Amino acid sequence: MRSLGEVKLHRGSASLEGEALIAAAAGCDLIVSYRQSPAPAALFERLPGLVAFLRCAVDIRNVNVAAASRAGVLVTQASAGFVPAVSELVVGFLVDLSRGITRAAAEYRAGRVPQAATGRELRASTLGIIGYGAIGRELSRVAKALGMRVLVNDPYVQDVEQVALDALLAQSDYVVPLAVASPETENLMNEAAFAKMKPGAFFINVSRGNLVDEAALARALDSGRIAGCALDVGRAPDQMPMPALAARREVIATPHTAGLTLAAIEHQSLETVAQAAEILKGRAPKGAVNAEHWKRKELLKT
């Protein structure tokens, strides 16, 4: 990025937002932000020299794109460089849930000998994938290579054989929602959905906490309807799993790290640098979400 111009870094441990972000970005042509920093309307209204807001992540839900468009500021997002990383973590969760690895390790560390329990094999088990985007496709490929039967439900995709959501829930030994978080998918996995799951099945969420009614998930675990779950996301800050759920014996949890691999981080970081280079040439890069409203590119000429 320094090869493109002067770079001003935020060196604090907390994410910049509100007045602090506006003050820090004064005089800057571009803002490069990770997912934690919101971009409200005031940011675009009070920084008249801001040309573009680059999100070095896929998630732009806390960016007021409409306000940016009104102000003529370009907004960009990175593409999903974390597809292999997230898919691999799901496979790890599948094995761990099926064989009780984390539970046994915790018992040994506590000075107790865990009871030997019969596990499940992934081969010939059924995996239900809700949402067939890039991660869903990669997970499907890997699961089939492991000998799993894969069921898919996504009303917006036409190029794959699908089953109805109720049938997927009833037949799957493992359910993985990978739908995009939106008002339509808010609490997609609710009381009714968990009640339709195959008794003794497992639930895995590596997508967004918004997809899950966590109180309903807790009740499904309490009742024994589902045998356990694995969570990399939830409704805690920065989309992390809620501590109360994560602490349960039937739950495996990680702190929103599915996409945190060197390859995934490099992909999105270097793509953001490439976007900045294109913007400074007056061109809307791949990943621009409101190019038709980009009026402030004229400021680059001055």
C-alpha atoms as a PDB file:
ATOM      1  CA  MET A   1       0.000   0.000   0.000  1.00  0.00           C
ATOM      2  CA  ARG A   2       2.896   2.369   0.736  1.00  0.00           C
ATOM      3  CA  SER A   3       3.966   2.098  -2.896  1.00  0.00           C
ATOM      4  CA  LEU A   4       0.700   3.840  -3.824  1.00  0.00           C
ATOM      5  CA  GLY A   5       0.970   6.805  -1.448  1.00  0.00           C
ATOM      6  CA  GLU A   6       1.240   7.938   2.151  1.00  0.00           C
ATOM      7  CA  VAL A   7      -0.289   5.461   4.594  1.00  0.00           C
ATOM      8  CA  LYS A   8      -1.678   6.534   7.985  1.00  0.00           C
ATOM      9  CA  LEU A   9      -2.049   3.591  10.387  1.00  0.00           C
ATOM     10  CA  HIS A  10      -4.332   3.095  13.355  1.00  0.00           C
ATOM     11  CA  ARG A  11      -2.144   1.607  16.060  1.00  0.00           C
ATOM     12  CA  GLY A  12      -4.691   1.165  18.831  1.00  0.00           C
ATOM     13  CA  SER A  13      -6.042  -2.186  19.974  1.00  0.00           C
ATOM     14  CA  ALA A  14      -9.705  -1.174  19.734  1.00  0.00           C
ATOM     15  CA  SER A  15     -11.412  -0.723  16.380  1.00  0.00           C
ATOM     16  CA  LEU A  16     -11.938   2.871  15.269  1.00  0.00           C
ATOM     17  CA  GLU A  17     -15.500   4.123  14.996  1.00  0.00           C
ATOM     18  CA  GLY A  18     -17.637   7.217  15.355  1.00  0.00           C
ATOM     19  CA  GLU A  19     -15.901  10.510  16.105  1.00  0.00           C
ATOM     20  CA  ALA A  20     -12.547   8.774  16.544  1.00  0.00           C
ATOM     21  CA  LEU A  21     -12.659   7.360  13.019  1.00  0.00           C
ATOM     22  CA  ILE A  22     -13.784  10.661  11.521  1.00  0.00           C
ATOM     23  CA  ALA A  23     -10.939  12.474  13.258  1.00  0.00           C
ATOM     24  CA  ALA A  24      -8.350   9.865  12.283  1.00  0.00           C
ATOM     25  CA  ALA A  25      -9.427   9.913   8.623  1.00  0.00           C
ATOM     26  CA  ALA A  26      -9.375  13.695   8.229  1.00  0.00           C
ATOM     27  CA  GLY A  27      -7.421  14.556   5.102  1.00  0.00           C
ATOM     28  CA  CYS A  28      -7.366  10.960   3.818  1.00  0.00           C
ATOM     29  CA  ASP A  29      -8.467  10.070   0.295  1.00  0.00           C
ATOM     30  CA  LEU A  30      -9.174   6.412   1.109  1.00  0.00           C
ATOM     31  CA  ILE A  31     -10.177   4.529   4.234  1.00  0.00           C
ATOM     32  CA  VAL A  32      -9.243   0.841   4.479  1.00  0.00           C
ATOM     33  CA  SER A  33     -11.267  -0.885   7.167  1.00  0.00           C
ATOM     34  CA  TYR A  34     -11.665  -4.341   8.631  1.00  0.00           C
ATOM     35  CA  ARG A  35     -15.146  -5.609   9.452  1.00  0.00           C
ATOM     36  CA  GLN A  36     -15.364  -4.236  13.020  1.00  0.00           C
ATOM     37  CA  SER A  37     -15.365  -0.518  12.176  1.00  0.00           C
ATOM     38  CA  PRO A  38     -18.812   0.776  11.206  1.00  0.00           C
ATOM     39  CA  ALA A  39     -19.155   3.354   8.430  1.00  0.00           C
ATOM     40  CA  PRO A  40     -22.276   5.405   9.274  1.00  0.00           C
ATOM     41  CA  ALA A  41     -23.712   8.255   7.239  1.00  0.00           C
ATOM     42  CA  ALA A  42     -21.806  10.859   9.285  1.00  0.00           C
ATOM     43  CA  LEU A  43     -18.485   9.432   8.100  1.00  0.00           C
ATOM     44  CA  PHE A  44     -19.242  10.250   4.471  1.00  0.00           C
ATOM     45  CA  GLU A  45     -21.004  13.521   5.209  1.00  0.00           C
ATOM     46  CA  ARG A  46     -18.222  14.975   7.375  1.00  0.00           C
ATOM     47  CA  LEU A  47     -15.221  13.908   5.307  1.00  0.00           C
ATOM     48  CA  PRO A  48     -15.702  15.907   2.093  1.00  0.00           C
ATOM     49  CA  GLY A  49     -12.345  14.803   0.700  1.00  0.00           C
ATOM     50  CA  LEU A  50     -12.970  11.080   1.133  1.00  0.00           C
ATOM     51  CA  VAL A  51     -12.957   9.341  -2.249  1.00  0.00           C
ATOM     52  CA  ALA A  52     -13.474   5.698  -1.295  1.00  0.00           C
ATOM     53  CA  PHE A  53     -14.133   3.363   1.638  1.00  0.00           C
ATOM     54  CA  LEU A  54     -12.462  -0.041   1.170  1.00  0.00           C
ATOM     55  CA  ARG A  55     -13.588  -2.947   3.326  1.00  0.00           C
ATOM     56  CA  CYS A  56     -10.837  -5.562   3.671  1.00  0.00           C
ATOM     57  CA  ALA A  57     -13.506  -8.189   4.319  1.00  0.00           C
ATOM     58  CA  VAL A  58     -16.648  -9.538   2.674  1.00  0.00           C
ATOM     59  CA  ASP A  59     -19.108  -8.255   5.287  1.00  0.00           C
ATOM     60  CA  ILE A  60     -20.300  -4.678   4.606  1.00  0.00           C
ATOM     61  CA  ARG A  61     -23.500  -4.807   6.660  1.00  0.00           C
ATOM     62  CA  ASN A  62     -22.259  -2.075   9.003  1.00  0.00           C
ATOM     63  CA  VAL A  63     -21.395   0.234   6.087  1.00  0.00           C
ATOM     64  CA  ASN A  64     -24.129   2.725   5.162  1.00  0.00           C
ATOM     65  CA  VAL A  65     -23.774   2.209   1.419  1.00  0.00           C
ATOM     66  CA  ALA A  66     -26.808   4.374   0.673  1.00  0.00           C
ATOM     67  CA  ALA A  67     -25.234   7.322   2.498  1.00  0.00           C
ATOM     68  CA  ALA A  68     -21.920   6.728   0.753  1.00  0.00           C
ATOM     69  CA  SER A  69     -23.712   6.760  -2.591  1.00  0.00           C
ATOM     70  CA  ARG A  70     -25.493  10.017  -1.761  1.00  0.00           C
ATOM     71  CA  ALA A  71     -22.133  11.556  -0.924  1.00  0.00           C
ATOM     72  CA  GLY A  72     -20.517  10.150  -4.069  1.00  0.00           C
ATOM     73  CA  VAL A  73     -18.083   7.921  -2.151  1.00  0.00           C
ATOM     74  CA  LEU A  74     -17.106   4.546  -3.619  1.00  0.00           C
ATOM     75  CA  VAL A  75     -17.487   1.479  -1.376  1.00  0.00           C
ATOM     76  CA  THR A  76     -15.650  -1.767  -2.067  1.00  0.00           C
ATOM     77  CA  GLN A  77     -15.516  -5.194  -0.445  1.00  0.00           C
ATOM     78  CA  ALA A  78     -13.086  -8.082  -0.703  1.00  0.00           C
ATOM     79  CA  SER A  79     -13.992 -11.409  -2.244  1.00  0.00           C
ATOM     80  CA  ALA A  80     -14.154 -14.594  -0.209  1.00  0.00           C
ATOM     81  CA  GLY A  81     -10.578 -15.804  -0.002  1.00  0.00           C
ATOM     82  CA  PHE A  82     -11.460 -17.955   2.999  1.00  0.00           C
ATOM     83  CA  VAL A  83     -13.486 -20.663   1.235  1.00  0.00           C
ATOM     84  CA  PRO A  84     -10.939 -23.500   1.708  1.00  0.00           C
ATOM     85  CA  ALA A  85     -10.187 -22.404   5.289  1.00  0.00           C
ATOM     86  CA  VAL A  86     -13.829 -22.379   6.381  1.00  0.00           C
ATOM     87  CA  SER A  87     -14.596 -25.643   4.601  1.00  0.00           C
ATOM     88  CA  GLU A  88     -11.662 -27.355   6.313  1.00  0.00           C
ATOM     89  CA  LEU A  89     -12.804 -26.148   9.740  1.00  0.00           C
ATOM     90  CA  VAL A  90     -16.252 -27.620   9.097  1.00  0.00           C
ATOM     91  CA  VAL A  91     -14.621 -30.967   8.344  1.00  0.00           C
ATOM     92  CA  GLY A  92     -12.712 -30.682  11.609  1.00  0.00           C
ATOM     93  CA  PHE A  93     -15.976 -30.002  13.436  1.00  0.00           C
ATOM     94  CA  LEU A  94     -17.619 -32.981  11.728  1.00  0.00           C
ATOM     95  CA  VAL A  95     -14.883 -35.322  12.952  1.00  0.00           C
ATOM     96  CA  ASP A  96     -14.738 -33.799  16.435  1.00  0.00           C
ATOM     97  CA  LEU A  97     -18.496 -33.959  16.992  1.00  0.00           C
ATOM     98  CA  SER A  98     -18.621 -37.517  15.695  1.00  0.00           C
ATOM     99  CA  ARG A  99     -15.718 -38.850  17.765  1.00  0.00           C
ATOM    100  CA  GLY A 100     -15.796 -36.701  20.920  1.00  0.00           C
ATOM    101  CA  ILE A 101     -12.201 -35.491  20.565  1.00  0.00           C
ATOM    102  CA  THR A 102     -12.563 -32.191  22.421  1.00  0.00           C
ATOM    103  CA  ARG A 103     -14.650 -33.762  25.171  1.00  0.00           C
ATOM    104  CA  ALA A 104     -12.101 -36.537  25.773  1.00  0.00           C
ATOM    105  CA  ALA A 105      -9.176 -34.101  25.728  1.00  0.00           C
ATOM    106  CA  ALA A 106     -10.916 -31.878  28.297  1.00  0.00           C
ATOM    107  CA  GLU A 107     -11.461 -34.854  30.600  1.00  0.00           C
ATOM    108  CA  TYR A 108      -7.816 -35.890  30.416  1.00  0.00           C
ATOM    109  CA  ARG A 109      -6.648 -32.324  31.114  1.00  0.00           C
ATOM    110  CA  ALA A 110      -8.930 -32.243  34.152  1.00  0.00           C
ATOM    111  CA  GLY A 111      -7.158 -35.321  35.512  1.00  0.00           C
ATOM    112  CA  ARG A 112      -9.978 -37.725  34.688  1.00  0.00           C
ATOM    113  CA  VAL A 113     -10.047 -40.705  32.332  1.00  0.00           C
ATOM    114  CA  PRO A 114     -12.900 -40.208  29.857  1.00  0.00           C
ATOM    115  CA  GLN A 115     -15.350 -42.989  29.212  1.00  0.00           C
ATOM    116  CA  ALA A 116     -14.713 -44.663  25.880  1.00  0.00           C
ATOM    117  CA  ALA A 117     -17.710 -44.036  23.645  1.00  0.00           C
ATOM    118  CA  THR A 118     -18.689 -45.390  20.255  1.00  0.00           C
ATOM    119  CA  GLY A 119     -18.308 -42.758  17.557  1.00  0.00           C
ATOM    120  CA  ARG A 120     -19.825 -42.196  14.153  1.00  0.00           C
ATOM    121  CA  GLU A 121     -18.203 -42.444  10.749  1.00  0.00           C
ATOM    122  CA  LEU A 122     -18.650 -39.640   8.249  1.00  0.00           C
ATOM    123  CA  ARG A 123     -18.734 -42.150   5.432  1.00  0.00           C
ATOM    124  CA  ALA A 124     -22.348 -42.935   4.501  1.00  0.00           C
ATOM    125  CA  SER A 125     -23.639 -40.194   6.822  1.00  0.00           C
ATOM    126  CA  THR A 126     -25.797 -37.387   5.437  1.00  0.00           C
ATOM    127  CA  LEU A 127     -24.689 -33.759   5.390  1.00  0.00           C
ATOM    128  CA  GLY A 128     -27.319 -31.055   4.878  1.00  0.00           C
ATOM    129  CA  ILE A 129     -26.069 -27.747   3.457  1.00  0.00           C
ATOM    130  CA  ILE A 130     -28.413 -24.746   3.579  1.00  0.00           C
ATOM    131  CA  GLY A 131     -27.098 -22.133   1.144  1.00  0.00           C
ATOM    132  CA  TYR A 132     -25.043 -23.200  -1.849  1.00  0.00           C
ATOM    133  CA  GLY A 133     -22.540 -20.411  -2.383  1.00  0.00           C
ATOM    134  CA  ALA A 134     -18.774 -20.766  -2.674  1.00  0.00           C
ATOM    135  CA  ILE A 135     -18.323 -22.379   0.755  1.00  0.00           C
ATOM    136  CA  GLY A 136     -21.318 -24.655   0.277  1.00  0.00           C
ATOM    137  CA  ARG A 137     -19.942 -25.901  -3.038  1.00  0.00           C
ATOM    138  CA  GLU A 138     -16.471 -26.542  -1.648  1.00  0.00           C
ATOM    139  CA  LEU A 139     -17.840 -28.270   1.452  1.00  0.00           C
ATOM    140  CA  SER A 140     -20.049 -30.434  -0.736  1.00  0.00           C
ATOM    141  CA  ARG A 141     -17.053 -31.465  -2.840  1.00  0.00           C
ATOM    142  CA  VAL A 142     -14.974 -32.397   0.206  1.00  0.00           C
ATOM    143  CA  ALA A 143     -17.837 -34.209   1.932  1.00  0.00           C
ATOM    144  CA  LYS A 144     -18.532 -36.329  -1.129  1.00  0.00           C
ATOM    145  CA  ALA A 145     -14.835 -37.222  -1.302  1.00  0.00           C
ATOM    146  CA  LEU A 146     -15.205 -38.531   2.260  1.00  0.00           C
ATOM    147  CA  GLY A 147     -18.094 -40.726   1.163  1.00  0.00           C
ATOM    148  CA  MET A 148     -20.869 -38.600   2.618  1.00  0.00           C
ATOM    149  CA  ARG A 149     -24.305 -38.128   1.113  1.00  0.00           C
ATOM    150  CA  VAL A 150     -24.928 -34.421   0.571  1.00  0.00           C
ATOM    151  CA  LEU A 151     -28.321 -32.692   0.579  1.00  0.00           C
ATOM    152  CA  VAL A 152     -28.619 -29.067  -0.570  1.00  0.00           C
ATOM    153  CA  ASN A 153     -31.269 -26.392  -0.132  1.00  0.00           C
ATOM    154  CA  ASP A 154     -30.912 -22.948  -1.716  1.00  0.00           C
ATOM    155  CA  PRO A 155     -33.891 -21.288  -3.437  1.00  0.00           C
ATOM    156  CA  TYR A 156     -31.584 -18.925  -5.355  1.00  0.00           C
ATOM    157  CA  VAL A 157     -29.444 -21.589  -7.036  1.00  0.00           C
ATOM    158  CA  GLN A 158     -30.597 -23.601 -10.037  1.00  0.00           C
ATOM    159  CA  ASP A 159     -27.550 -25.668 -11.045  1.00  0.00           C
ATOM    160  CA  VAL A 160     -27.646 -28.308  -8.301  1.00  0.00           C
ATOM    161  CA  GLU A 161     -30.101 -31.013  -7.312  1.00  0.00           C
ATOM    162  CA  GLN A 162     -31.971 -29.889  -4.214  1.00  0.00           C
ATOM    163  CA  VAL A 163     -34.388 -31.063  -1.575  1.00  0.00           C
ATOM    164  CA  ALA A 164     -36.964 -29.106   0.396  1.00  0.00           C
ATOM    165  CA  LEU A 165     -35.689 -27.593   3.639  1.00  0.00           C
ATOM    166  CA  ASP A 166     -37.961 -29.776   5.782  1.00  0.00           C
ATOM    167  CA  ALA A 167     -36.642 -32.907   4.063  1.00  0.00           C
ATOM    168  CA  LEU A 168     -33.044 -31.775   4.514  1.00  0.00           C
ATOM    169  CA  LEU A 169     -33.572 -31.200   8.234  1.00  0.00           C
ATOM    170  CA  ALA A 170     -35.336 -34.537   8.705  1.00  0.00           C
ATOM    171  CA  GLN A 171     -32.731 -36.610   6.848  1.00  0.00           C
ATOM    172  CA  SER A 172     -29.398 -34.988   7.716  1.00  0.00           C
ATOM    173  CA  ASP A 173     -27.022 -36.313  10.359  1.00  0.00           C
ATOM    174  CA  TYR A 174     -25.238 -32.946  10.242  1.00  0.00           C
ATOM    175  CA  VAL A 175     -26.848 -29.606   9.349  1.00  0.00           C
ATOM    176  CA  VAL A 176     -24.685 -26.658   8.226  1.00  0.00           C
ATOM    177  CA  PRO A 177     -26.405 -23.348   7.374  1.00  0.00           C
ATOM    178  CA  LEU A 178     -24.302 -21.281   4.948  1.00  0.00           C
ATOM    179  CA  ALA A 179     -26.945 -18.835   3.763  1.00  0.00           C
ATOM    180  CA  VAL A 180     -26.230 -15.107   3.468  1.00  0.00           C
ATOM    181  CA  ALA A 181     -27.301 -13.144   6.546  1.00  0.00           C
ATOM    182  CA  SER A 182     -30.273 -10.967   5.591  1.00  0.00           C
ATOM    183  CA  PRO A 183     -33.689 -10.044   6.983  1.00  0.00           C
ATOM    184  CA  GLU A 184     -35.047 -13.081   5.128  1.00  0.00           C
ATOM    185  CA  THR A 185     -32.643 -15.494   6.852  1.00  0.00           C
ATOM    186  CA  GLU A 186     -32.782 -13.949  10.346  1.00  0.00           C
ATOM    187  CA  ASN A 187     -33.359 -16.852  12.780  1.00  0.00           C
ATOM    188  CA  LEU A 188     -33.579 -19.296   9.868  1.00  0.00           C
ATOM    189  CA  MET A 189     -32.749 -22.015  12.389  1.00  0.00           C
ATOM    190  CA  ASN A 190     -35.533 -21.409  14.888  1.00  0.00           C
ATOM    191  CA  GLU A 191     -37.643 -23.537  17.229  1.00  0.00           C
ATOM    192  CA  ALA A 192     -39.570 -25.100  14.349  1.00  0.00           C
ATOM    193  CA  ALA A 193     -36.424 -25.848  12.347  1.00  0.00           C
ATOM    194  CA  PHE A 194     -34.638 -27.553  15.241  1.00  0.00           C
ATOM    195  CA  ALA A 195     -37.779 -29.587  15.960  1.00  0.00           C
ATOM    196  CA  LYS A 196     -37.649 -30.916  12.386  1.00  0.00           C
ATOM    197  CA  MET A 197     -34.047 -32.068  12.645  1.00  0.00           C
ATOM    198  CA  LYS A 198     -33.300 -35.767  12.791  1.00  0.00           C
ATOM    199  CA  PRO A 199     -33.097 -36.872  16.451  1.00  0.00           C
ATOM    200  CA  GLY A 200     -29.453 -37.192  17.484  1.00  0.00           C
ATOM    201  CA  ALA A 201     -28.163 -35.055  14.601  1.00  0.00           C
ATOM    202  CA  PHE A 202     -25.450 -32.399  14.952  1.00  0.00           C
ATOM    203  CA  PHE A 203     -25.623 -28.697  14.089  1.00  0.00           C
ATOM    204  CA  ILE A 204     -22.688 -26.600  12.846  1.00  0.00           C
ATOM    205  CA  ASN A 205     -22.641 -22.827  12.301  1.00  0.00           C
ATOM    206  CA  VAL A 206     -19.650 -21.120  10.665  1.00  0.00           C
ATOM    207  CA  SER A 207     -21.672 -18.541   8.724  1.00  0.00           C
ATOM    208  CA  ARG A 208     -23.367 -15.811  10.794  1.00  0.00           C
ATOM    209  CA  GLY A 209     -24.955 -15.757  14.234  1.00  0.00           C
ATOM    210  CA  ASN A 210     -27.984 -14.017  12.717  1.00  0.00           C
ATOM    211  CA  LEU A 211     -29.073 -17.289  11.128  1.00  0.00           C
ATOM    212  CA  VAL A 212     -29.734 -18.937  14.490  1.00  0.00           C
ATOM    213  CA  ASP A 213     -32.246 -18.399  17.280  1.00  0.00           C
ATOM    214  CA  GLU A 214     -29.783 -19.206  20.044  1.00  0.00           C
ATOM    215  CA  ALA A 215     -32.448 -19.691  22.716  1.00  0.00           C
ATOM    216  CA  ALA A 216     -34.075 -22.303  20.472  1.00  0.00           C
ATOM    217  CA  LEU A 217     -30.688 -23.946  19.921  1.00  0.00           C
ATOM    218  CA  ALA A 218     -30.148 -24.156  23.680  1.00  0.00           C
ATOM    219  CA  ARG A 219     -33.557 -25.758  24.133  1.00  0.00           C
ATOM    220  CA  ALA A 220     -32.827 -28.281  21.372  1.00  0.00           C
ATOM    221  CA  LEU A 221     -29.641 -29.231  23.217  1.00  0.00           C
ATOM    222  CA  ASP A 222     -31.458 -29.375  26.569  1.00  0.00           C
ATOM    223  CA  SER A 223     -34.096 -31.714  25.183  1.00  0.00           C
ATOM    224  CA  GLY A 224     -31.565 -33.980  23.501  1.00  0.00           C
ATOM    225  CA  ARG A 225     -33.216 -33.391  20.135  1.00  0.00           C
ATOM    226  CA  ILE A 226     -29.773 -32.684  18.725  1.00  0.00           C
ATOM    227  CA  ALA A 227     -26.696 -34.444  20.038  1.00  0.00           C
ATOM    228  CA  GLY A 228     -24.398 -31.420  19.943  1.00  0.00           C
ATOM    229  CA  CYS A 229     -23.216 -28.498  17.912  1.00  0.00           C
ATOM    230  CA  ALA A 230     -20.103 -26.657  16.788  1.00  0.00           C
ATOM    231  CA  LEU A 231     -20.013 -22.864  16.570  1.00  0.00           C
ATOM    232  CA  ASP A 232     -17.484 -20.470  15.090  1.00  0.00           C
ATOM    233  CA  VAL A 233     -19.963 -17.584  15.090  1.00  0.00           C
ATOM    234  CA  GLY A 234     -22.779 -16.237  17.211  1.00  0.00           C
ATOM    235  CA  ARG A 235     -24.412 -13.082  18.508  1.00  0.00           C
ATOM    236  CA  ALA A 236     -21.582 -11.979  20.800  1.00  0.00           C
ATOM    237  CA  PRO A 237     -19.442  -8.975  19.704  1.00  0.00           C
ATOM    238  CA  ASP A 238     -17.628  -9.435  16.379  1.00  0.00           C
ATOM    239  CA  GLN A 239     -19.947 -12.332  15.556  1.00  0.00           C
ATOM    240  CA  MET A 240     -18.318 -14.615  18.122  1.00  0.00           C
ATOM    241  CA  PRO A 241     -20.228 -17.466  19.814  1.00  0.00           C
ATOM    242  CA  MET A 242     -22.127 -16.488  22.943  1.00  0.00           C
ATOM    243  CA  PRO A 243     -20.066 -17.583  25.994  1.00  0.00           C
ATOM    244  CA  ALA A 244     -23.033 -19.308  27.655  1.00  0.00           C
ATOM    245  CA  LEU A 245     -23.552 -21.548  24.625  1.00  0.00           C
ATOM    246  CA  ALA A 246     -19.840 -22.066  24.015  1.00  0.00           C
ATOM    247  CA  ALA A 247     -19.323 -23.314  27.575  1.00  0.00           C
ATOM    248  CA  ARG A 248     -21.805 -26.176  27.262  1.00  0.00           C
ATOM    249  CA  ARG A 249     -20.484 -29.731  27.284  1.00  0.00           C
ATOM    250  CA  GLU A 250     -22.296 -30.586  24.045  1.00  0.00           C
ATOM    251  CA  VAL A 251     -20.781 -27.610  22.206  1.00  0.00           C
ATOM    252  CA  ILE A 252     -17.449 -27.116  20.443  1.00  0.00           C
ATOM    253  CA  ALA A 253     -16.699 -23.422  19.929  1.00  0.00           C
ATOM    254  CA  THR A 254     -14.002 -21.324  18.292  1.00  0.00           C
ATOM    255  CA  PRO A 255     -13.792 -17.477  18.408  1.00  0.00           C
ATOM    256  CA  HIS A 256     -14.745 -16.627  14.796  1.00  0.00           C
ATOM    257  CA  THR A 257     -11.494 -17.997  13.406  1.00  0.00           C
ATOM    258  CA  ALA A 258     -12.740 -20.092  10.484  1.00  0.00           C
ATOM    259  CA  GLY A 259     -11.259 -17.708   7.926  1.00  0.00           C
ATOM    260  CA  LEU A 260      -8.106 -16.838   9.861  1.00  0.00           C
ATOM    261  CA  THR A 261      -5.411 -18.574   7.890  1.00  0.00           C
ATOM    262  CA  LEU A 262      -2.411 -16.912   6.277  1.00  0.00           C
ATOM    263  CA  ALA A 263      -3.620 -17.743   2.772  1.00  0.00           C
ATOM    264  CA  ALA A 264      -7.080 -16.295   3.413  1.00  0.00           C
ATOM    265  CA  ILE A 265      -5.729 -13.113   4.999  1.00  0.00           C
ATOM    266  CA  GLU A 266      -3.212 -12.592   2.190  1.00  0.00           C
ATOM    267  CA  HIS A 267      -5.941 -13.012  -0.426  1.00  0.00           C
ATOM    268  CA  GLN A 268      -8.159 -10.272   0.991  1.00  0.00           C
ATOM    269  CA  SER A 269      -5.293  -7.955   1.961  1.00  0.00           C
ATOM    270  CA  LEU A 270      -3.568  -8.027  -1.416  1.00  0.00           C
ATOM    271  CA  GLU A 271      -6.896  -7.757  -3.222  1.00  0.00           C
ATOM    272  CA  THR A 272      -7.613  -4.592  -1.223  1.00  0.00           C
ATOM    273  CA  VAL A 273      -4.241  -3.152  -2.273  1.00  0.00           C
ATOM    274  CA  ALA A 274      -5.110  -3.909  -5.907  1.00  0.00           C
ATOM    275  CA  GLN A 275      -8.461  -2.164  -5.444  1.00  0.00           C
ATOM    276  CA  ALA A 276      -6.722   0.930  -4.059  1.00  0.00           C
ATOM    277  CA  ALA A 277      -4.395   1.006  -7.062  1.00  0.00           C
ATOM    278  CA  GLU A 278      -7.334   0.924  -9.451  1.00  0.00           C
ATOM    279  CA  ILE A 279      -9.191   3.633  -7.532  1.00  0.00           C
ATOM    280  CA  LEU A 280      -6.174   5.965  -7.648  1.00  0.00           C
ATOM    281  CA  LYS A 281      -6.231   5.547 -11.433  1.00  0.00           C
ATOM    282  CA  GLY A 282      -9.846   6.668 -11.452  1.00  0.00           C
ATOM    283  CA  ARG A 283     -11.235   3.220 -12.164  1.00  0.00           C
ATOM    284  CA  ALA A 284     -13.879   1.337 -10.164  1.00  0.00           C
ATOM    285  CA  PRO A 285     -12.237  -1.985  -9.230  1.00  0.00           C
ATOM    286  CA  LYS A 286     -13.666  -5.442  -8.978  1.00  0.00           C
ATOM    287  CA  GLY A 287     -15.457  -5.503  -5.654  1.00  0.00           C
ATOM    288  CA  ALA A 288     -17.004  -2.041  -5.997  1.00  0.00           C
ATOM    289  CA  VAL A 289     -20.614  -2.106  -4.785  1.00  0.00           C
ATOM    290  CA  ASN A 290     -21.845   1.360  -5.827  1.00  0.00           C
ATOM    291  CA  ALA A 291     -19.707   2.348  -8.826  1.00  0.00           C
ATOM    292  CA  GLU A 292     -22.626   4.100 -10.534  1.00  0.00           C
ATOM    293  CA  HIS A 293     -22.754   6.625  -7.658  1.00  0.00           C
ATOM    294  CA  TRP A 294     -19.015   7.335  -7.492  1.00  0.00           C
ATOM    295  CA  LYS A 295     -18.899  11.096  -8.019  1.00  0.00           C
ATOM    296  CA  ARG A 296     -15.916  11.986  -5.873  1.00  0.00           C
ATOM    297  CA  LYS A 297     -13.454  10.334  -8.234  1.00  0.00           C
ATOM    298  CA  GLU A 298     -13.216  13.829  -9.710  1.00  0.00           C
ATOM    299  CA  LEU A 299     -11.276  14.787  -6.555  1.00  0.00           C
ATOM    300  CA  LEU A 300      -8.446  12.523  -7.703  1.00  0.00           C
ATOM    301  CA  LYS A 301      -7.703  14.928 -10.547  1.00  0.00           C
ATOM    302  CA  THR A 302      -6.928  17.696  -8.076  1.00  0.00           C
END
